[in-house]
Every structure is written in C-alpha cells, then in structure tokens.
mmCIF file of all heavy atoms, coordinates in Angstrom:
data_MODEL
# 
_entry.id   MODEL 
# 
loop_
_atom_site.group_PDB 
_atom_site.id 
_atom_site.type_symbol 
_atom_site.label_atom_id 
_atom_site.label_alt_id 
_atom_site.label_comp_id 
_atom_site.label_asym_id 
_atom_site.label_entity_id 
_atom_site.label_seq_id 
_atom_site.pdbx_PDB_ins_code 
_atom_site.Cartn_x 
_atom_site.Cartn_y 
_atom_site.Cartn_z 
_atom_site.occupancy 
_atom_site.B_iso_or_equiv 
_atom_site.pdbx_formal_charge 
_atom_site.auth_seq_id 
_atom_site.auth_comp_id 
_atom_site.auth_asym_id 
_atom_site.auth_atom_id 
_atom_site.pdbx_PDB_model_num 
ATOM 1   N N   . ALA A 1 1  ? -0.336  -7.150  -1.791  1.00 0.00 ? 1  ALA A N   1 
ATOM 2   C CA  . ALA A 1 1  ? 0.124   -8.355  -2.477  1.00 0.00 ? 1  ALA A CA  1 
ATOM 3   C C   . ALA A 1 1  ? -0.886  -8.841  -3.465  1.00 0.00 ? 1  ALA A C   1 
ATOM 4   O O   . ALA A 1 1  ? -0.552  -9.244  -4.583  1.00 0.00 ? 1  ALA A O   1 
ATOM 5   C CB  . ALA A 1 1  ? 0.418   -9.463  -1.433  1.00 0.00 ? 1  ALA A CB  1 
ATOM 6   N N   . ARG A 1 2  ? -2.137  -8.812  -3.086  1.00 0.00 ? 2  ARG A N   1 
ATOM 7   C CA  . ARG A 1 2  ? -3.203  -9.254  -3.998  1.00 0.00 ? 2  ARG A CA  1 
ATOM 8   C C   . ARG A 1 2  ? -3.288  -8.375  -5.256  1.00 0.00 ? 2  ARG A C   1 
ATOM 9   O O   . ARG A 1 2  ? -3.454  -8.860  -6.382  1.00 0.00 ? 2  ARG A O   1 
ATOM 10  C CB  . ARG A 1 2  ? -4.583  -9.289  -3.324  1.00 0.00 ? 2  ARG A CB  1 
ATOM 11  C CG  . ARG A 1 2  ? -5.648  -9.922  -4.175  1.00 0.00 ? 2  ARG A CG  1 
ATOM 12  C CD  . ARG A 1 2  ? -6.963  -9.980  -3.446  1.00 0.00 ? 2  ARG A CD  1 
ATOM 13  N NE  . ARG A 1 2  ? -7.552  -8.666  -3.183  1.00 0.00 ? 2  ARG A NE  1 
ATOM 14  C CZ  . ARG A 1 2  ? -8.717  -8.522  -2.612  1.00 0.00 ? 2  ARG A CZ  1 
ATOM 15  N NH1 . ARG A 1 2  ? -9.486  -9.569  -2.285  1.00 0.00 ? 2  ARG A NH1 1 
ATOM 16  N NH2 . ARG A 1 2  ? -9.192  -7.280  -2.390  1.00 0.00 ? 2  ARG A NH2 1 
ATOM 17  N N   . ALA A 1 3  ? -3.164  -7.080  -5.018  1.00 0.00 ? 3  ALA A N   1 
ATOM 18  C CA  . ALA A 1 3  ? -3.168  -6.132  -6.181  1.00 0.00 ? 3  ALA A CA  1 
ATOM 19  C C   . ALA A 1 3  ? -1.953  -6.404  -7.107  1.00 0.00 ? 3  ALA A C   1 
ATOM 20  O O   . ALA A 1 3  ? -2.090  -6.339  -8.330  1.00 0.00 ? 3  ALA A O   1 
ATOM 21  C CB  . ALA A 1 3  ? -3.171  -4.712  -5.672  1.00 0.00 ? 3  ALA A CB  1 
ATOM 22  N N   . LEU A 1 4  ? -0.812  -6.677  -6.513  1.00 0.00 ? 4  LEU A N   1 
ATOM 23  C CA  . LEU A 1 4  ? 0.404   -6.957  -7.298  1.00 0.00 ? 4  LEU A CA  1 
ATOM 24  C C   . LEU A 1 4  ? 0.312   -8.273  -8.033  1.00 0.00 ? 4  LEU A C   1 
ATOM 25  O O   . LEU A 1 4  ? 1.017   -8.471  -9.021  1.00 0.00 ? 4  LEU A O   1 
ATOM 26  C CB  . LEU A 1 4  ? 1.648   -6.881  -6.432  1.00 0.00 ? 4  LEU A CB  1 
ATOM 27  C CG  . LEU A 1 4  ? 2.083   -5.529  -5.907  1.00 0.00 ? 4  LEU A CG  1 
ATOM 28  C CD1 . LEU A 1 4  ? 3.239   -5.685  -4.939  1.00 0.00 ? 4  LEU A CD1 1 
ATOM 29  C CD2 . LEU A 1 4  ? 2.424   -4.561  -7.027  1.00 0.00 ? 4  LEU A CD2 1 
ATOM 30  N N   . ALA A 1 5  ? -0.498  -9.216  -7.557  1.00 0.00 ? 5  ALA A N   1 
ATOM 31  C CA  . ALA A 1 5  ? -0.544  -10.517 -8.195  1.00 0.00 ? 5  ALA A CA  1 
ATOM 32  C C   . ALA A 1 5  ? -1.067  -10.442 -9.622  1.00 0.00 ? 5  ALA A C   1 
ATOM 33  O O   . ALA A 1 5  ? -0.809  -11.370 -10.427 1.00 0.00 ? 5  ALA A O   1 
ATOM 34  C CB  . ALA A 1 5  ? -1.508  -11.428 -7.366  1.00 0.00 ? 5  ALA A CB  1 
ATOM 35  N N   . ALA A 1 6  ? -1.719  -9.346  -9.963  1.00 0.00 ? 6  ALA A N   1 
ATOM 36  C CA  . ALA A 1 6  ? -2.239  -9.170  -11.348 1.00 0.00 ? 6  ALA A CA  1 
ATOM 37  C C   . ALA A 1 6  ? -1.133  -8.571  -12.244 1.00 0.00 ? 6  ALA A C   1 
ATOM 38  O O   . ALA A 1 6  ? -1.443  -8.274  -13.399 1.00 0.00 ? 6  ALA A O   1 
ATOM 39  C CB  . ALA A 1 6  ? -3.458  -8.265  -11.368 1.00 0.00 ? 6  ALA A CB  1 
ATOM 40  N N   . SER A 1 7  ? 0.062   -8.368  -11.720 1.00 0.00 ? 7  SER A N   1 
ATOM 41  C CA  . SER A 1 7  ? 1.191   -7.799  -12.498 1.00 0.00 ? 7  SER A CA  1 
ATOM 42  C C   . SER A 1 7  ? 0.816   -6.509  -13.181 1.00 0.00 ? 7  SER A C   1 
ATOM 43  O O   . SER A 1 7  ? 0.941   -6.355  -14.390 1.00 0.00 ? 7  SER A O   1 
ATOM 44  C CB  . SER A 1 7  ? 1.668   -8.797  -13.552 1.00 0.00 ? 7  SER A CB  1 
ATOM 45  O OG  . SER A 1 7  ? 2.099   -9.978  -12.943 1.00 0.00 ? 7  SER A OG  1 
ATOM 46  N N   . PRO A 1 8  ? 0.389   -5.521  -12.353 1.00 0.00 ? 8  PRO A N   1 
ATOM 47  C CA  . PRO A 1 8  ? -0.097  -4.252  -12.970 1.00 0.00 ? 8  PRO A CA  1 
ATOM 48  C C   . PRO A 1 8  ? 1.081   -3.385  -13.474 1.00 0.00 ? 8  PRO A C   1 
ATOM 49  O O   . PRO A 1 8  ? 2.187   -3.483  -12.952 1.00 0.00 ? 8  PRO A O   1 
ATOM 50  C CB  . PRO A 1 8  ? -0.797  -3.569  -11.796 1.00 0.00 ? 8  PRO A CB  1 
ATOM 51  C CG  . PRO A 1 8  ? -0.052  -4.061  -10.583 1.00 0.00 ? 8  PRO A CG  1 
ATOM 52  C CD  . PRO A 1 8  ? 0.296   -5.510  -10.903 1.00 0.00 ? 8  PRO A CD  1 
ATOM 53  N N   . LYS A 1 9  ? 0.734   -2.499  -14.384 1.00 0.00 ? 9  LYS A N   1 
ATOM 54  C CA  . LYS A 1 9  ? 1.639   -1.430  -14.810 1.00 0.00 ? 9  LYS A CA  1 
ATOM 55  C C   . LYS A 1 9  ? 1.402   -0.187  -13.936 1.00 0.00 ? 9  LYS A C   1 
ATOM 56  O O   . LYS A 1 9  ? 2.265   0.635   -13.732 1.00 0.00 ? 9  LYS A O   1 
ATOM 57  C CB  . LYS A 1 9  ? 1.400   -1.050  -16.267 1.00 0.00 ? 9  LYS A CB  1 
ATOM 58  C CG  . LYS A 1 9  ? 1.617   -2.190  -17.247 1.00 0.00 ? 9  LYS A CG  1 
ATOM 59  C CD  . LYS A 1 9  ? 1.215   -1.741  -18.628 1.00 0.00 ? 9  LYS A CD  1 
ATOM 60  C CE  . LYS A 1 9  ? 1.290   -2.942  -19.651 1.00 0.00 ? 9  LYS A CE  1 
ATOM 61  N NZ  . LYS A 1 9  ? 0.769   -2.569  -20.986 1.00 0.00 ? 9  LYS A NZ  1 
ATOM 62  N N   . LEU A 1 10 ? 0.116   -0.034  -13.466 1.00 0.00 ? 10 LEU A N   1 
ATOM 63  C CA  . LEU A 1 10 ? -0.304  1.080   -12.673 1.00 0.00 ? 10 LEU A CA  1 
ATOM 64  C C   . LEU A 1 10 ? -1.007  0.558   -11.433 1.00 0.00 ? 10 LEU A C   1 
ATOM 65  O O   . LEU A 1 10 ? -2.014  -0.168  -11.596 1.00 0.00 ? 10 LEU A O   1 
ATOM 66  C CB  . LEU A 1 10 ? -1.203  1.995   -13.466 1.00 0.00 ? 10 LEU A CB  1 
ATOM 67  C CG  . LEU A 1 10 ? -1.809  3.181   -12.708 1.00 0.00 ? 10 LEU A CG  1 
ATOM 68  C CD1 . LEU A 1 10 ? -0.754  4.132   -12.211 1.00 0.00 ? 10 LEU A CD1 1 
ATOM 69  C CD2 . LEU A 1 10 ? -2.814  3.955   -13.608 1.00 0.00 ? 10 LEU A CD2 1 
ATOM 70  N N   . LEU A 1 11 ? -0.533  0.923   -10.271 1.00 0.00 ? 11 LEU A N   1 
ATOM 71  C CA  . LEU A 1 11 ? -1.129  0.471   -9.014  1.00 0.00 ? 11 LEU A CA  1 
ATOM 72  C C   . LEU A 1 11 ? -1.838  1.650   -8.345  1.00 0.00 ? 11 LEU A C   1 
ATOM 73  O O   . LEU A 1 11 ? -1.185  2.671   -8.103  1.00 0.00 ? 11 LEU A O   1 
ATOM 74  C CB  . LEU A 1 11 ? -0.024  -0.144  -8.103  1.00 0.00 ? 11 LEU A CB  1 
ATOM 75  C CG  . LEU A 1 11 ? -0.414  -0.564  -6.708  1.00 0.00 ? 11 LEU A CG  1 
ATOM 76  C CD1 . LEU A 1 11 ? -1.433  -1.716  -6.784  1.00 0.00 ? 11 LEU A CD1 1 
ATOM 77  C CD2 . LEU A 1 11 ? 0.794   -0.959  -5.894  1.00 0.00 ? 11 LEU A CD2 1 
ATOM 78  N N   . LEU A 1 12 ? -3.120  1.492   -8.058  1.00 0.00 ? 12 LEU A N   1 
ATOM 79  C CA  . LEU A 1 12 ? -3.885  2.553   -7.392  1.00 0.00 ? 12 LEU A CA  1 
ATOM 80  C C   . LEU A 1 12 ? -3.970  2.163   -5.899  1.00 0.00 ? 12 LEU A C   1 
ATOM 81  O O   . LEU A 1 12 ? -4.495  1.092   -5.595  1.00 0.00 ? 12 LEU A O   1 
ATOM 82  C CB  . LEU A 1 12 ? -5.315  2.628   -7.952  1.00 0.00 ? 12 LEU A CB  1 
ATOM 83  C CG  . LEU A 1 12 ? -5.492  2.795   -9.492  1.00 0.00 ? 12 LEU A CG  1 
ATOM 84  C CD1 . LEU A 1 12 ? -6.923  2.977   -9.830  1.00 0.00 ? 12 LEU A CD1 1 
ATOM 85  C CD2 . LEU A 1 12 ? -4.648  3.921   -10.027 1.00 0.00 ? 12 LEU A CD2 1 
ATOM 86  N N   . LEU A 1 13 ? -3.447  3.053   -5.043  1.00 0.00 ? 13 LEU A N   1 
ATOM 87  C CA  . LEU A 1 13 ? -3.513  2.821   -3.618  1.00 0.00 ? 13 LEU A CA  1 
ATOM 88  C C   . LEU A 1 13 ? -4.437  3.815   -2.964  1.00 0.00 ? 13 LEU A C   1 
ATOM 89  O O   . LEU A 1 13 ? -4.172  5.023   -3.025  1.00 0.00 ? 13 LEU A O   1 
ATOM 90  C CB  . LEU A 1 13 ? -2.067  2.979   -3.021  1.00 0.00 ? 13 LEU A CB  1 
ATOM 91  C CG  . LEU A 1 13 ? -1.041  1.991   -3.523  1.00 0.00 ? 13 LEU A CG  1 
ATOM 92  C CD1 . LEU A 1 13 ? 0.309   2.242   -2.870  1.00 0.00 ? 13 LEU A CD1 1 
ATOM 93  C CD2 . LEU A 1 13 ? -1.457  0.522   -3.249  1.00 0.00 ? 13 LEU A CD2 1 
ATOM 94  N N   . ASP A 1 14 ? -5.563  3.314   -2.419  1.00 0.00 ? 14 ASP A N   1 
ATOM 95  C CA  . ASP A 1 14 ? -6.565  4.176   -1.811  1.00 0.00 ? 14 ASP A CA  1 
ATOM 96  C C   . ASP A 1 14 ? -6.442  4.202   -0.304  1.00 0.00 ? 14 ASP A C   1 
ATOM 97  O O   . ASP A 1 14 ? -6.742  3.249   0.353   1.00 0.00 ? 14 ASP A O   1 
ATOM 98  C CB  . ASP A 1 14 ? -7.945  3.667   -2.211  1.00 0.00 ? 14 ASP A CB  1 
ATOM 99  C CG  . ASP A 1 14 ? -9.068  4.663   -1.882  1.00 0.00 ? 14 ASP A CG  1 
ATOM 100 O OD1 . ASP A 1 14 ? -8.778  5.698   -1.326  1.00 0.00 ? 14 ASP A OD1 1 
ATOM 101 O OD2 . ASP A 1 14 ? -10.222 4.386   -2.251  1.00 0.00 ? 14 ASP A OD2 1 
ATOM 102 N N   . GLU A 1 15 ? -5.892  5.304   0.212   1.00 0.00 ? 15 GLU A N   1 
ATOM 103 C CA  . GLU A 1 15 ? -5.707  5.488   1.669   1.00 0.00 ? 15 GLU A CA  1 
ATOM 104 C C   . GLU A 1 15 ? -4.927  4.308   2.306   1.00 0.00 ? 15 GLU A C   1 
ATOM 105 O O   . GLU A 1 15 ? -5.389  3.740   3.288   1.00 0.00 ? 15 GLU A O   1 
ATOM 106 C CB  . GLU A 1 15 ? -7.071  5.682   2.389   1.00 0.00 ? 15 GLU A CB  1 
ATOM 107 C CG  . GLU A 1 15 ? -7.849  6.889   1.878   1.00 0.00 ? 15 GLU A CG  1 
ATOM 108 C CD  . GLU A 1 15 ? -7.374  8.198   2.454   1.00 0.00 ? 15 GLU A CD  1 
ATOM 109 O OE1 . GLU A 1 15 ? -6.365  8.205   3.218   1.00 0.00 ? 15 GLU A OE1 1 
ATOM 110 O OE2 . GLU A 1 15 ? -8.012  9.202   2.155   1.00 0.00 ? 15 GLU A OE2 1 
ATOM 111 N N   . PRO A 1 16 ? -3.778  3.978   1.793   1.00 0.00 ? 16 PRO A N   1 
ATOM 112 C CA  . PRO A 1 16 ? -3.082  2.786   2.362   1.00 0.00 ? 16 PRO A CA  1 
ATOM 113 C C   . PRO A 1 16 ? -2.588  2.990   3.761   1.00 0.00 ? 16 PRO A C   1 
ATOM 114 O O   . PRO A 1 16 ? -2.297  2.064   4.519   1.00 0.00 ? 16 PRO A O   1 
ATOM 115 C CB  . PRO A 1 16 ? -1.922  2.565   1.360   1.00 0.00 ? 16 PRO A CB  1 
ATOM 116 C CG  . PRO A 1 16 ? -1.661  3.923   0.783   1.00 0.00 ? 16 PRO A CG  1 
ATOM 117 C CD  . PRO A 1 16 ? -3.026  4.541   0.659   1.00 0.00 ? 16 PRO A CD  1 
ATOM 118 N N   . ALA A 1 17 ? -2.372  4.272   4.151   1.00 0.00 ? 17 ALA A N   1 
ATOM 119 C CA  . ALA A 1 17 ? -1.858  4.553   5.477   1.00 0.00 ? 17 ALA A CA  1 
ATOM 120 C C   . ALA A 1 17 ? -2.947  4.660   6.550   1.00 0.00 ? 17 ALA A C   1 
ATOM 121 O O   . ALA A 1 17 ? -2.631  4.790   7.755   1.00 0.00 ? 17 ALA A O   1 
ATOM 122 C CB  . ALA A 1 17 ? -1.040  5.861   5.515   1.00 0.00 ? 17 ALA A CB  1 
ATOM 123 N N   . GLY A 1 18 ? -4.201  4.597   6.157   1.00 0.00 ? 18 GLY A N   1 
ATOM 124 C CA  . GLY A 1 18 ? -5.302  4.702   7.097   1.00 0.00 ? 18 GLY A CA  1 
ATOM 125 C C   . GLY A 1 18 ? -5.271  3.651   8.150   1.00 0.00 ? 18 GLY A C   1 
ATOM 126 O O   . GLY A 1 18 ? -5.172  2.441   7.869   1.00 0.00 ? 18 GLY A O   1 
ATOM 127 N N   . GLY A 1 19 ? -5.297  4.044   9.426   1.00 0.00 ? 19 GLY A N   1 
ATOM 128 C CA  . GLY A 1 19 ? -5.299  3.087   10.513  1.00 0.00 ? 19 GLY A CA  1 
ATOM 129 C C   . GLY A 1 19 ? -3.942  2.522   10.936  1.00 0.00 ? 19 GLY A C   1 
ATOM 130 O O   . GLY A 1 19 ? -3.886  1.708   11.852  1.00 0.00 ? 19 GLY A O   1 
ATOM 131 N N   . LEU A 1 20 ? -2.892  2.985   10.264  1.00 0.00 ? 20 LEU A N   1 
ATOM 132 C CA  . LEU A 1 20 ? -1.529  2.491   10.582  1.00 0.00 ? 20 LEU A CA  1 
ATOM 133 C C   . LEU A 1 20 ? -0.891  3.411   11.622  1.00 0.00 ? 20 LEU A C   1 
ATOM 134 O O   . LEU A 1 20 ? -1.089  4.645   11.629  1.00 0.00 ? 20 LEU A O   1 
ATOM 135 C CB  . LEU A 1 20 ? -0.680  2.418   9.353   1.00 0.00 ? 20 LEU A CB  1 
ATOM 136 C CG  . LEU A 1 20 ? -1.168  1.537   8.220   1.00 0.00 ? 20 LEU A CG  1 
ATOM 137 C CD1 . LEU A 1 20 ? -0.138  1.484   7.063   1.00 0.00 ? 20 LEU A CD1 1 
ATOM 138 C CD2 . LEU A 1 20 ? -1.515  0.115   8.673   1.00 0.00 ? 20 LEU A CD2 1 
ATOM 139 N N   . ASN A 1 21 ? 0.008   2.844   12.433  1.00 0.00 ? 21 ASN A N   1 
ATOM 140 C CA  . ASN A 1 21 ? 0.739   3.702   13.357  1.00 0.00 ? 21 ASN A CA  1 
ATOM 141 C C   . ASN A 1 21 ? 1.959   4.277   12.656  1.00 0.00 ? 21 ASN A C   1 
ATOM 142 O O   . ASN A 1 21 ? 2.248   4.023   11.443  1.00 0.00 ? 21 ASN A O   1 
ATOM 143 C CB  . ASN A 1 21 ? 1.181   2.877   14.599  1.00 0.00 ? 21 ASN A CB  1 
ATOM 144 C CG  . ASN A 1 21 ? 2.114   1.690   14.279  1.00 0.00 ? 21 ASN A CG  1 
ATOM 145 O OD1 . ASN A 1 21 ? 2.984   1.808   13.407  1.00 0.00 ? 21 ASN A OD1 1 
ATOM 146 N ND2 . ASN A 1 21 ? 1.893   0.584   14.993  1.00 0.00 ? 21 ASN A ND2 1 
ATOM 147 N N   . HIS A 1 22 ? 2.731   5.121   13.354  1.00 0.00 ? 22 HIS A N   1 
ATOM 148 C CA  . HIS A 1 22 ? 3.825   5.893   12.753  1.00 0.00 ? 22 HIS A CA  1 
ATOM 149 C C   . HIS A 1 22 ? 4.871   4.964   12.148  1.00 0.00 ? 22 HIS A C   1 
ATOM 150 O O   . HIS A 1 22 ? 5.306   5.196   11.009  1.00 0.00 ? 22 HIS A O   1 
ATOM 151 C CB  . HIS A 1 22 ? 4.476   6.774   13.833  1.00 0.00 ? 22 HIS A CB  1 
ATOM 152 C CG  . HIS A 1 22 ? 5.697   7.527   13.288  1.00 0.00 ? 22 HIS A CG  1 
ATOM 153 N ND1 . HIS A 1 22 ? 5.560   8.619   12.468  1.00 0.00 ? 22 HIS A ND1 1 
ATOM 154 C CD2 . HIS A 1 22 ? 7.032   7.279   13.470  1.00 0.00 ? 22 HIS A CD2 1 
ATOM 155 C CE1 . HIS A 1 22 ? 6.788   9.047   12.194  1.00 0.00 ? 22 HIS A CE1 1 
ATOM 156 N NE2 . HIS A 1 22 ? 7.653   8.284   12.771  1.00 0.00 ? 22 HIS A NE2 1 
ATOM 157 N N   . GLN A 1 23 ? 5.279   3.869   12.846  1.00 0.00 ? 23 GLN A N   1 
ATOM 158 C CA  . GLN A 1 23 ? 6.278   3.012   12.296  1.00 0.00 ? 23 GLN A CA  1 
ATOM 159 C C   . GLN A 1 23 ? 5.727   2.293   11.076  1.00 0.00 ? 23 GLN A C   1 
ATOM 160 O O   . GLN A 1 23 ? 6.470   2.070   10.105  1.00 0.00 ? 23 GLN A O   1 
ATOM 161 C CB  . GLN A 1 23 ? 6.676   1.996   13.394  1.00 0.00 ? 23 GLN A CB  1 
ATOM 162 C CG  . GLN A 1 23 ? 7.818   1.052   12.990  1.00 0.00 ? 23 GLN A CG  1 
ATOM 163 C CD  . GLN A 1 23 ? 9.081   1.787   12.577  1.00 0.00 ? 23 GLN A CD  1 
ATOM 164 O OE1 . GLN A 1 23 ? 9.368   2.882   13.139  1.00 0.00 ? 23 GLN A OE1 1 
ATOM 165 N NE2 . GLN A 1 23 ? 9.875   1.228   11.703  1.00 0.00 ? 23 GLN A NE2 1 
ATOM 166 N N   . GLU A 1 24 ? 4.454   1.877   11.083  1.00 0.00 ? 24 GLU A N   1 
ATOM 167 C CA  . GLU A 1 24 ? 3.878   1.167   9.974   1.00 0.00 ? 24 GLU A CA  1 
ATOM 168 C C   . GLU A 1 24 ? 3.804   2.084   8.724   1.00 0.00 ? 24 GLU A C   1 
ATOM 169 O O   . GLU A 1 24 ? 4.006   1.621   7.596   1.00 0.00 ? 24 GLU A O   1 
ATOM 170 C CB  . GLU A 1 24 ? 2.505   0.604   10.326  1.00 0.00 ? 24 GLU A CB  1 
ATOM 171 C CG  . GLU A 1 24 ? 2.539   -0.537  11.303  1.00 0.00 ? 24 GLU A CG  1 
ATOM 172 C CD  . GLU A 1 24 ? 1.148   -0.920  11.801  1.00 0.00 ? 24 GLU A CD  1 
ATOM 173 O OE1 . GLU A 1 24 ? 0.281   -0.033  11.882  1.00 0.00 ? 24 GLU A OE1 1 
ATOM 174 O OE2 . GLU A 1 24 ? 0.960   -2.117  12.171  1.00 0.00 ? 24 GLU A OE2 1 
ATOM 175 N N   . VAL A 1 25 ? 3.504   3.390   8.964   1.00 0.00 ? 25 VAL A N   1 
ATOM 176 C CA  . VAL A 1 25 ? 3.450   4.313   7.842   1.00 0.00 ? 25 VAL A CA  1 
ATOM 177 C C   . VAL A 1 25 ? 4.841   4.452   7.207   1.00 0.00 ? 25 VAL A C   1 
ATOM 178 O O   . VAL A 1 25 ? 4.987   4.493   6.031   1.00 0.00 ? 25 VAL A O   1 
ATOM 179 C CB  . VAL A 1 25 ? 2.898   5.673   8.310   1.00 0.00 ? 25 VAL A CB  1 
ATOM 180 C CG1 . VAL A 1 25 ? 3.080   6.735   7.186   1.00 0.00 ? 25 VAL A CG1 1 
ATOM 181 C CG2 . VAL A 1 25 ? 1.466   5.610   8.697   1.00 0.00 ? 25 VAL A CG2 1 
ATOM 182 N N   . LYS A 1 26 ? 5.856   4.538   8.055   1.00 0.00 ? 26 LYS A N   1 
ATOM 183 C CA  . LYS A 1 26 ? 7.219   4.626   7.552   1.00 0.00 ? 26 LYS A CA  1 
ATOM 184 C C   . LYS A 1 26 ? 7.579   3.419   6.756   1.00 0.00 ? 26 LYS A C   1 
ATOM 185 O O   . LYS A 1 26 ? 8.200   3.557   5.646   1.00 0.00 ? 26 LYS A O   1 
ATOM 186 C CB  . LYS A 1 26 ? 8.170   4.773   8.756   1.00 0.00 ? 26 LYS A CB  1 
ATOM 187 C CG  . LYS A 1 26 ? 9.653   5.017   8.335   1.00 0.00 ? 26 LYS A CG  1 
ATOM 188 C CD  . LYS A 1 26 ? 10.504  5.248   9.605   1.00 0.00 ? 26 LYS A CD  1 
ATOM 189 C CE  . LYS A 1 26 ? 11.982  5.461   9.175   1.00 0.00 ? 26 LYS A CE  1 
ATOM 190 N NZ  . LYS A 1 26 ? 12.823  5.634   10.393  1.00 0.00 ? 26 LYS A NZ  1 
ATOM 191 N N   . GLN A 1 27 ? 7.214   2.239   7.251   1.00 0.00 ? 27 GLN A N   1 
ATOM 192 C CA  . GLN A 1 27 ? 7.504   0.999   6.465   1.00 0.00 ? 27 GLN A CA  1 
ATOM 193 C C   . GLN A 1 27 ? 6.731   0.963   5.185   1.00 0.00 ? 27 GLN A C   1 
ATOM 194 O O   . GLN A 1 27 ? 7.232   0.485   4.166   1.00 0.00 ? 27 GLN A O   1 
ATOM 195 C CB  . GLN A 1 27 ? 7.124   -0.206  7.336   1.00 0.00 ? 27 GLN A CB  1 
ATOM 196 C CG  . GLN A 1 27 ? 8.082   -0.378  8.583   1.00 0.00 ? 27 GLN A CG  1 
ATOM 197 C CD  . GLN A 1 27 ? 7.540   -1.424  9.553   1.00 0.00 ? 27 GLN A CD  1 
ATOM 198 O OE1 . GLN A 1 27 ? 6.413   -1.889  9.424   1.00 0.00 ? 27 GLN A OE1 1 
ATOM 199 N NE2 . GLN A 1 27 ? 8.396   -1.799  10.486  1.00 0.00 ? 27 GLN A NE2 1 
ATOM 200 N N   . LEU A 1 28 ? 5.478   1.470   5.214   1.00 0.00 ? 28 LEU A N   1 
ATOM 201 C CA  . LEU A 1 28 ? 4.663   1.507   4.002   1.00 0.00 ? 28 LEU A CA  1 
ATOM 202 C C   . LEU A 1 28 ? 5.333   2.392   2.914   1.00 0.00 ? 28 LEU A C   1 
ATOM 203 O O   . LEU A 1 28 ? 5.371   2.004   1.746   1.00 0.00 ? 28 LEU A O   1 
ATOM 204 C CB  . LEU A 1 28 ? 3.290   2.059   4.297   1.00 0.00 ? 28 LEU A CB  1 
ATOM 205 C CG  . LEU A 1 28 ? 2.346   2.285   3.108   1.00 0.00 ? 28 LEU A CG  1 
ATOM 206 C CD1 . LEU A 1 28 ? 2.020   0.997   2.388   1.00 0.00 ? 28 LEU A CD1 1 
ATOM 207 C CD2 . LEU A 1 28 ? 1.079   3.007   3.578   1.00 0.00 ? 28 LEU A CD2 1 
ATOM 208 N N   . GLY A 1 29 ? 5.840   3.534   3.362   1.00 0.00 ? 29 GLY A N   1 
ATOM 209 C CA  . GLY A 1 29 ? 6.509   4.439   2.343   1.00 0.00 ? 29 GLY A CA  1 
ATOM 210 C C   . GLY A 1 29 ? 7.664   3.715   1.721   1.00 0.00 ? 29 GLY A C   1 
ATOM 211 O O   . GLY A 1 29 ? 7.878   3.801   0.467   1.00 0.00 ? 29 GLY A O   1 
# 
C-alpha cells in the first residue's frame, strides 16, 4: 500500500512471498 501511494507506473516487488504461508501466497498472487 505504501509503495502504491506514490502512484507508480512500475512497481518493484522484492521477495513479497517471503515468510508467507500457502494461502497468503495465493492471495498475494
């Protein structure tokens, strides 16, 4: 949310699934 607050054209996501469980990874996708 904080990254999106800058209204980017390009969003860089660095290991966003790290530490998430299976259901959270599915929701992230």
